[in-house]
Amino acid sequence: MSYLDWHVGMKLVCVIDGPDVRASGCRWADGEAVVEGQVYTLTRIFTDSDGDAIVWLREVERSPISKAFIGDEAGYAAWRFRPVQTRKTDISIFTAMLHGAKERERA
């Protein structure tokens, strides 16, 4: 799935946290660092002036300092995230176990 398939409201999981080595001197303010394994909600995705995909997340508010340093594009690099994979619940194995138990009770 490419970034073009991402949409507002989509759940994303952080797969790479830590500072962005490409943005020298850029540090996150307290409370705005993303955490590996944490799930976030996408509120906006866009391409910045360097052509990189940037995401905004409902659960994290960028500080005024970050916005002053980075500008209106203060967000997180999309490469840090992947969409959360949702699985449909399949209870067939449990149904089969239940049927097997009922047959054993009859014997």
Protein backbone atom coordinates (compact mmCIF):
# COMPACT_ATOMS: atom_id res chain seq x y z
CA MET A 1 0.00 0.00 0.00
CA SER A 2 1.44 3.36 -0.99
CA TYR A 3 0.96 6.66 0.81
CA LEU A 4 -1.52 7.58 -1.93
CA ASP A 5 -3.88 4.96 -0.49
CA TRP A 6 -3.77 6.44 3.02
CA HIS A 7 -6.76 8.48 4.16
CA VAL A 8 -7.90 10.69 7.02
CA GLY A 9 -9.10 8.57 9.94
CA MET A 10 -6.80 5.67 9.08
CA LYS A 11 -5.02 4.03 12.00
CA LEU A 12 -1.23 4.00 11.69
CA VAL A 13 1.30 2.23 13.88
CA CYS A 14 4.72 3.77 14.47
CA VAL A 15 7.45 1.39 13.29
CA ILE A 16 10.43 3.75 13.58
CA ASP A 17 10.75 6.28 16.38
CA GLY A 18 13.70 8.44 17.39
CA PRO A 19 15.18 11.59 15.85
CA ASP A 20 15.22 12.16 12.11
CA VAL A 21 18.86 11.88 11.13
CA ARG A 22 18.15 13.78 7.91
CA ALA A 23 17.01 16.89 9.81
CA SER A 24 20.16 17.97 11.63
CA GLY A 25 19.48 19.94 14.78
CA CYS A 26 15.80 19.03 14.71
CA ARG A 27 14.55 17.72 18.05
CA TRP A 28 11.07 17.00 19.31
CA ALA A 29 9.72 18.99 22.23
CA ASP A 30 8.48 17.15 25.32
CA GLY A 31 5.38 15.11 24.60
CA GLU A 32 5.56 15.24 20.81
CA ALA A 33 7.85 12.30 20.06
CA VAL A 34 6.14 9.33 18.44
CA VAL A 35 6.63 5.94 20.07
CA GLU A 36 7.36 2.68 18.27
CA GLY A 37 4.40 0.31 18.54
CA GLN A 38 1.93 3.09 19.41
CA VAL A 39 -1.17 3.46 17.21
CA TYR A 40 -2.10 6.91 15.91
CA THR A 41 -4.97 8.36 13.85
CA LEU A 42 -4.13 10.11 10.58
CA THR A 43 -5.61 13.62 10.34
CA ARG A 44 -3.72 14.88 7.29
CA ILE A 45 -1.17 13.60 4.78
CA PHE A 46 0.67 15.83 2.35
CA THR A 47 3.97 16.24 0.53
CA ASP A 48 6.39 18.77 1.98
CA SER A 49 8.63 21.15 0.01
CA ASP A 50 11.29 18.40 -0.27
CA GLY A 51 8.79 15.95 -1.76
CA ASP A 52 8.54 13.78 1.37
CA ALA A 53 5.20 12.43 2.59
CA ILE A 54 4.29 14.02 5.94
CA VAL A 55 1.51 12.97 8.31
CA TRP A 56 -0.33 14.80 11.05
CA LEU A 57 -1.66 12.70 13.91
CA ARG A 58 -4.70 13.29 16.12
CA GLU A 59 -2.93 12.08 19.25
CA VAL A 60 0.10 14.41 18.98
CA GLU A 61 0.13 18.19 18.89
CA ARG A 62 3.33 19.76 17.59
CA SER A 63 4.72 22.48 19.84
CA PRO A 64 4.92 26.14 18.85
CA ILE A 65 8.72 25.78 18.92
CA SER A 66 8.58 22.91 16.40
CA LYS A 67 6.20 24.85 14.20
CA ALA A 68 8.47 27.91 14.36
CA PHE A 69 11.55 25.81 13.48
CA ILE A 70 9.95 23.61 10.81
CA GLY A 71 7.04 25.79 9.68
CA ASP A 72 3.48 24.85 8.81
CA GLU A 73 4.69 21.46 7.60
CA ALA A 74 5.56 20.35 11.16
CA GLY A 75 4.43 16.75 11.17
CA TYR A 76 6.03 13.33 10.99
CA ALA A 77 7.66 11.54 8.09
CA ALA A 78 5.26 8.94 6.72
CA TRP A 79 8.09 6.37 6.48
CA ARG A 80 7.91 6.10 10.28
CA PHE A 81 4.45 4.47 10.07
CA ARG A 82 2.51 1.67 8.44
CA PRO A 83 -1.24 1.14 8.34
CA VAL A 84 -2.65 -1.01 11.13
CA GLN A 85 -3.62 -4.38 9.71
CA THR A 86 -7.09 -5.35 10.83
CA ARG A 87 -8.18 -8.94 10.71
CA LYS A 88 -11.71 -10.14 10.52
CA THR A 89 -12.59 -12.36 13.42
CA ASP A 90 -12.79 -15.99 12.34
CA ILE A 91 -14.47 -18.19 14.92
CA SER A 92 -14.62 -21.29 12.76
CA ILE A 93 -11.90 -23.04 14.78
CA PHE A 94 -13.89 -22.48 17.97
CA THR A 95 -17.09 -23.66 16.32
CA ALA A 96 -15.30 -26.83 15.20
CA MET A 97 -14.00 -27.37 18.74
CA LEU A 98 -17.53 -26.94 20.11
CA HIS A 99 -18.99 -29.43 17.64
CA GLY A 100 -16.21 -31.90 18.46
CA ALA A 101 -16.95 -31.57 22.19
CA LYS A 102 -20.67 -32.20 21.62
CA GLU A 103 -19.90 -35.32 19.60
CA ARG A 104 -17.60 -36.63 22.34
CA GLU A 105 -20.39 -36.07 24.93
CA ARG A 106 -22.77 -38.24 22.88
CA ALA A 107 -20.30 -41.14 22.68
